[in-house]
């Protein structure tokens, strides 16, 4: 079973920074095809924040403040969040399209990590 485990959320003041991590693991061969971060605020739909393949893409609301990256050696994806605003408050989810011999290519979700921006 593929597992995605997120970490790094928490409470931060406006203007502060956080770095989220998402570690992928599986008891066998697997290949990560695409990686992305989503977020869902209370009462709102889940939205795409950033994605990375050969290039990176960002939603307009985070462009210039957030940076998505990955460490292929560690099968880990990151989201560096700077200049945080109260409207960035949400549960952040990592999402990966992963290939395994047994499951083919499928999308997987992490459990979510809470980010709260408040003074």
C-alpha atoms as a PDB file:
ATOM      1  CA  UNK A   1       0.000   0.000   0.000  1.00  0.00           C
ATOM      2  CA  UNK A   2       1.355   3.406  -1.001  1.00  0.00           C
ATOM      3  CA  UNK A   3       1.498   5.829   1.883  1.00  0.00           C
ATOM      4  CA  UNK A   4       1.861   9.607   1.806  1.00  0.00           C
ATOM      5  CA  UNK A   5       2.704  11.192   5.145  1.00  0.00           C
ATOM      6  CA  UNK A   6       2.653  14.945   5.570  1.00  0.00           C
ATOM      7  CA  UNK A   7       4.305  17.052   8.221  1.00  0.00           C
ATOM      8  CA  UNK A   8       5.174  20.654   8.956  1.00  0.00           C
ATOM      9  CA  UNK A   9       1.831  22.310   9.544  1.00  0.00           C
ATOM     10  CA  UNK A  10       1.067  24.507  12.513  1.00  0.00           C
ATOM     11  CA  UNK A  11       0.150  27.947  13.758  1.00  0.00           C
ATOM     12  CA  UNK A  12       2.057  30.926  12.383  1.00  0.00           C
ATOM     13  CA  UNK A  13       1.602  34.687  12.481  1.00  0.00           C
ATOM     14  CA  UNK A  14       0.795  36.655   9.334  1.00  0.00           C
ATOM     15  CA  UNK A  15       3.970  37.262   7.363  1.00  0.00           C
ATOM     16  CA  UNK A  16       5.580  34.119   8.742  1.00  0.00           C
ATOM     17  CA  UNK A  17       6.820  30.989   7.019  1.00  0.00           C
ATOM     18  CA  UNK A  18       6.249  27.250   7.152  1.00  0.00           C
ATOM     19  CA  UNK A  19       7.616  24.321   5.189  1.00  0.00           C
ATOM     20  CA  UNK A  20       5.411  21.315   4.540  1.00  0.00           C
ATOM     21  CA  UNK A  21       6.824  17.906   3.674  1.00  0.00           C
ATOM     22  CA  UNK A  22       5.203  14.871   2.082  1.00  0.00           C
ATOM     23  CA  UNK A  23       7.007  11.525   2.263  1.00  0.00           C
ATOM     24  CA  UNK A  24       5.992   8.728  -0.108  1.00  0.00           C
ATOM     25  CA  UNK A  25       6.620   5.111   0.781  1.00  0.00           C
ATOM     26  CA  UNK A  26       5.730   1.670  -0.550  1.00  0.00           C
ATOM     27  CA  UNK A  27       6.960  -1.830   0.155  1.00  0.00           C
ATOM     28  CA  UNK A  28       8.299  -2.358  -3.338  1.00  0.00           C
ATOM     29  CA  UNK A  29       9.141  -0.624  -6.577  1.00  0.00           C
ATOM     30  CA  UNK A  30       7.248   2.587  -7.248  1.00  0.00           C
ATOM     31  CA  UNK A  31       7.636   5.579  -9.518  1.00  0.00           C
ATOM     32  CA  UNK A  32       6.274   9.042  -8.807  1.00  0.00           C
ATOM     33  CA  UNK A  33       4.801  10.635 -11.911  1.00  0.00           C
ATOM     34  CA  UNK A  34       3.255  13.873 -10.716  1.00  0.00           C
ATOM     35  CA  UNK A  35       3.160  15.702  -7.410  1.00  0.00           C
ATOM     36  CA  UNK A  36       0.959  18.474  -6.137  1.00  0.00           C
ATOM     37  CA  UNK A  37      -0.278  20.293  -3.070  1.00  0.00           C
ATOM     38  CA  UNK A  38      -3.952  21.060  -2.502  1.00  0.00           C
ATOM     39  CA  UNK A  39      -5.690  22.883   0.312  1.00  0.00           C
ATOM     40  CA  UNK A  40      -9.188  23.041   1.695  1.00  0.00           C
ATOM     41  CA  UNK A  41     -10.455  25.847   3.883  1.00  0.00           C
ATOM     42  CA  UNK A  42     -13.596  25.452   6.031  1.00  0.00           C
ATOM     43  CA  UNK A  43     -16.717  25.655   3.892  1.00  0.00           C
ATOM     44  CA  UNK A  44     -14.756  25.743   0.645  1.00  0.00           C
ATOM     45  CA  UNK A  45     -13.848  23.256  -2.034  1.00  0.00           C
ATOM     46  CA  UNK A  46     -10.420  21.689  -2.195  1.00  0.00           C
ATOM     47  CA  UNK A  47      -8.205  23.723  -4.514  1.00  0.00           C
ATOM     48  CA  UNK A  48      -4.916  23.133  -6.282  1.00  0.00           C
ATOM     49  CA  UNK A  49      -2.103  25.197  -4.791  1.00  0.00           C
ATOM     50  CA  UNK A  50       0.974  24.029  -6.704  1.00  0.00           C
ATOM     51  CA  UNK A  51       2.143  21.163  -8.877  1.00  0.00           C
ATOM     52  CA  UNK A  52       5.475  19.881 -10.139  1.00  0.00           C
ATOM     53  CA  UNK A  53       6.484  17.653 -13.003  1.00  0.00           C
ATOM     54  CA  UNK A  54       9.273  18.885 -15.233  1.00  0.00           C
ATOM     55  CA  UNK A  55       7.965  22.375 -14.495  1.00  0.00           C
ATOM     56  CA  UNK A  56       6.188  24.012 -11.617  1.00  0.00           C
ATOM     57  CA  UNK A  57       2.783  25.647 -11.586  1.00  0.00           C
ATOM     58  CA  UNK A  58       1.104  27.760  -8.933  1.00  0.00           C
ATOM     59  CA  UNK A  59      -2.314  29.164  -8.262  1.00  0.00           C
ATOM     60  CA  UNK A  60      -2.487  32.923  -8.626  1.00  0.00           C
ATOM     61  CA  UNK A  61      -3.183  33.310  -4.918  1.00  0.00           C
ATOM     62  CA  UNK A  62       0.194  31.837  -3.882  1.00  0.00           C
ATOM     63  CA  UNK A  63       2.423  32.733  -6.832  1.00  0.00           C
ATOM     64  CA  UNK A  64       5.559  34.473  -5.651  1.00  0.00           C
ATOM     65  CA  UNK A  65       5.073  33.361  -2.029  1.00  0.00           C
ATOM     66  CA  UNK A  66       5.048  29.547  -2.163  1.00  0.00           C
ATOM     67  CA  UNK A  67       7.641  27.236  -3.690  1.00  0.00           C
ATOM     68  CA  UNK A  68       7.081  23.566  -4.502  1.00  0.00           C
ATOM     69  CA  UNK A  69      10.080  21.275  -4.747  1.00  0.00           C
ATOM     70  CA  UNK A  70      11.045  17.633  -4.426  1.00  0.00           C
ATOM     71  CA  UNK A  71      13.940  15.434  -3.418  1.00  0.00           C
ATOM     72  CA  UNK A  72      13.845  12.414  -5.696  1.00  0.00           C
ATOM     73  CA  UNK A  73      16.414  10.562  -3.590  1.00  0.00           C
ATOM     74  CA  UNK A  74      14.130  10.759  -0.572  1.00  0.00           C
ATOM     75  CA  UNK A  75      10.772  10.491  -2.404  1.00  0.00           C
ATOM     76  CA  UNK A  76       9.798  13.663  -0.590  1.00  0.00           C
ATOM     77  CA  UNK A  77       7.940  16.716  -1.794  1.00  0.00           C
ATOM     78  CA  UNK A  78       8.033  20.100  -0.094  1.00  0.00           C
ATOM     79  CA  UNK A  79       6.008  23.282  -0.017  1.00  0.00           C
ATOM     80  CA  UNK A  80       7.865  26.317   1.256  1.00  0.00           C
ATOM     81  CA  UNK A  81       5.302  28.922   2.271  1.00  0.00           C
ATOM     82  CA  UNK A  82       6.464  32.490   2.875  1.00  0.00           C
ATOM     83  CA  UNK A  83       4.631  35.727   3.581  1.00  0.00           C
ATOM     84  CA  UNK A  84       1.704  33.756   4.892  1.00  0.00           C
ATOM     85  CA  UNK A  85      -1.699  35.415   5.073  1.00  0.00           C
ATOM     86  CA  UNK A  86      -4.799  34.580   7.135  1.00  0.00           C
ATOM     87  CA  UNK A  87      -6.509  33.462   3.921  1.00  0.00           C
ATOM     88  CA  UNK A  88      -3.883  30.719   3.568  1.00  0.00           C
ATOM     89  CA  UNK A  89      -5.445  29.003   6.574  1.00  0.00           C
ATOM     90  CA  UNK A  90      -6.563  25.542   5.466  1.00  0.00           C
ATOM     91  CA  UNK A  91      -5.847  21.843   5.633  1.00  0.00           C
ATOM     92  CA  UNK A  92      -3.079  21.136   3.141  1.00  0.00           C
ATOM     93  CA  UNK A  93      -2.984  17.808   1.295  1.00  0.00           C
ATOM     94  CA  UNK A  94      -0.284  16.280  -0.822  1.00  0.00           C
ATOM     95  CA  UNK A  95      -1.302  14.376  -3.926  1.00  0.00           C
ATOM     96  CA  UNK A  96       0.842  12.132  -6.072  1.00  0.00           C
ATOM     97  CA  UNK A  97       0.303  10.025  -9.143  1.00  0.00           C
ATOM     98  CA  UNK A  98       2.336   6.913  -8.447  1.00  0.00           C
ATOM     99  CA  UNK A  99       2.997   3.808 -10.505  1.00  0.00           C
ATOM    100  CA  UNK A 100       3.370   0.401  -8.878  1.00  0.00           C
ATOM    101  CA  UNK A 101       3.478  -3.016 -10.546  1.00  0.00           C
ATOM    102  CA  UNK A 102       0.414  -4.155  -8.614  1.00  0.00           C
ATOM    103  CA  UNK A 103      -1.726  -1.034  -8.866  1.00  0.00           C
ATOM    104  CA  UNK A 104      -0.646   0.637 -12.078  1.00  0.00           C
ATOM    105  CA  UNK A 105      -0.769   4.436 -12.053  1.00  0.00           C
ATOM    106  CA  UNK A 106      -3.067   5.891  -9.422  1.00  0.00           C
ATOM    107  CA  UNK A 107      -3.535   9.109  -7.492  1.00  0.00           C
ATOM    108  CA  UNK A 108      -2.901   9.002  -3.775  1.00  0.00           C
ATOM    109  CA  UNK A 109      -3.642  11.537  -1.027  1.00  0.00           C
ATOM    110  CA  UNK A 110      -1.934  12.338   2.215  1.00  0.00           C
ATOM    111  CA  UNK A 111      -3.882  12.633   5.454  1.00  0.00           C
ATOM    112  CA  UNK A 112      -3.708  16.426   5.488  1.00  0.00           C
ATOM    113  CA  UNK A 113      -1.917  18.876   7.751  1.00  0.00           C
ATOM    114  CA  UNK A 114      -3.489  21.962   9.308  1.00  0.00           C
ATOM    115  CA  UNK A 115      -1.985  25.377   8.584  1.00  0.00           C
ATOM    116  CA  UNK A 116      -3.382  28.267  10.610  1.00  0.00           C
ATOM    117  CA  UNK A 117      -2.262  31.840   9.996  1.00  0.00           C
ATOM    118  CA  UNK A 118      -3.381  34.096  12.801  1.00  0.00           C
ATOM    119  CA  UNK A 119      -2.091  36.751  15.138  1.00  0.00           C
END
